[in-house]
Amino acid sequence: MKKRISLTTFLILFITISVNAQVSVNFETGLVITGYNDVRIPGNQGTFISLKDDLKPNADI
């Protein structure tokens, strides 16, 4: 009986490990353009910040 339980446990663990043993790689590419990105902090009376004009991104390709 003990041998049967050990064998069943081993088979369950082996099947679970072999199912999850996968390698996955995901690459995404695309162009990002900020045409209109204006905010006012806080609310309507706060300081106006244009994320397009005030911040300059550093693009690394």
Protein backbone atom coordinates (compact mmCIF):
# COMPACT_ATOMS: atom_id res chain seq x y z
CA MET A 1 0.00 0.00 0.00
CA LYS A 2 2.82 2.40 0.87
CA LYS A 3 4.50 1.67 -2.46
CA ARG A 4 1.27 2.45 -4.35
CA ILE A 5 0.86 5.81 -2.58
CA SER A 6 4.48 6.70 -3.27
CA LEU A 7 4.12 5.77 -6.93
CA THR A 8 0.88 7.75 -7.27
CA THR A 9 2.44 10.80 -5.60
CA PHE A 10 5.51 10.58 -7.82
CA LEU A 11 3.39 10.34 -10.98
CA ILE A 12 1.22 13.31 -9.99
CA LEU A 13 4.27 15.45 -9.24
CA PHE A 14 6.06 14.35 -12.41
CA ILE A 15 3.06 15.14 -14.63
CA THR A 16 2.57 18.53 -12.95
CA ILE A 17 6.24 19.48 -13.36
CA SER A 18 6.38 18.37 -16.98
CA VAL A 19 3.22 20.33 -17.87
CA ASN A 20 4.62 23.55 -16.35
CA ALA A 21 8.11 23.14 -17.85
CA GLN A 22 7.62 25.57 -20.73
CA VAL A 23 9.67 28.52 -21.88
CA SER A 24 7.80 31.53 -23.21
CA VAL A 25 9.23 34.69 -24.76
CA ASN A 26 7.09 37.68 -25.74
CA PHE A 27 8.30 40.69 -27.73
CA GLU A 28 6.24 43.77 -28.50
CA THR A 29 7.11 46.61 -30.83
CA GLY A 30 5.31 49.76 -31.79
CA LEU A 31 5.40 53.51 -32.19
CA VAL A 32 4.35 55.78 -29.33
CA ILE A 33 3.27 59.35 -30.12
CA THR A 34 1.98 61.85 -27.57
CA GLY A 35 -0.21 64.22 -29.53
CA TYR A 36 -2.30 65.66 -26.70
CA ASN A 37 -1.20 65.09 -23.13
CA ASP A 38 -2.12 68.15 -21.06
CA VAL A 39 -2.90 68.06 -17.34
CA ARG A 40 -3.75 70.64 -14.70
CA ILE A 41 -2.74 69.91 -11.11
CA PRO A 42 -4.92 70.19 -8.95
CA GLY A 43 -8.23 70.28 -10.85
CA ASN A 44 -9.27 73.36 -12.89
CA GLN A 45 -7.36 76.13 -11.03
CA GLY A 46 -3.99 74.42 -10.68
CA THR A 47 -0.75 74.59 -12.63
CA PHE A 48 -1.00 73.62 -16.31
CA ILE A 49 1.54 71.01 -17.44
CA SER A 50 1.94 69.83 -21.01
CA LEU A 51 3.51 66.38 -20.96
CA LYS A 52 4.29 66.70 -24.67
CA ASP A 53 6.04 70.09 -24.58
CA ASP A 54 7.51 70.25 -21.05
CA LEU A 55 9.03 66.76 -20.87
CA LYS A 56 11.51 65.53 -23.47
CA PRO A 57 11.83 61.73 -23.70
CA ASN A 58 15.12 59.99 -24.39
CA ALA A 59 14.45 57.40 -27.09
CA ASP A 60 16.84 54.46 -27.16
CA ILE A 61 16.52 52.12 -30.09
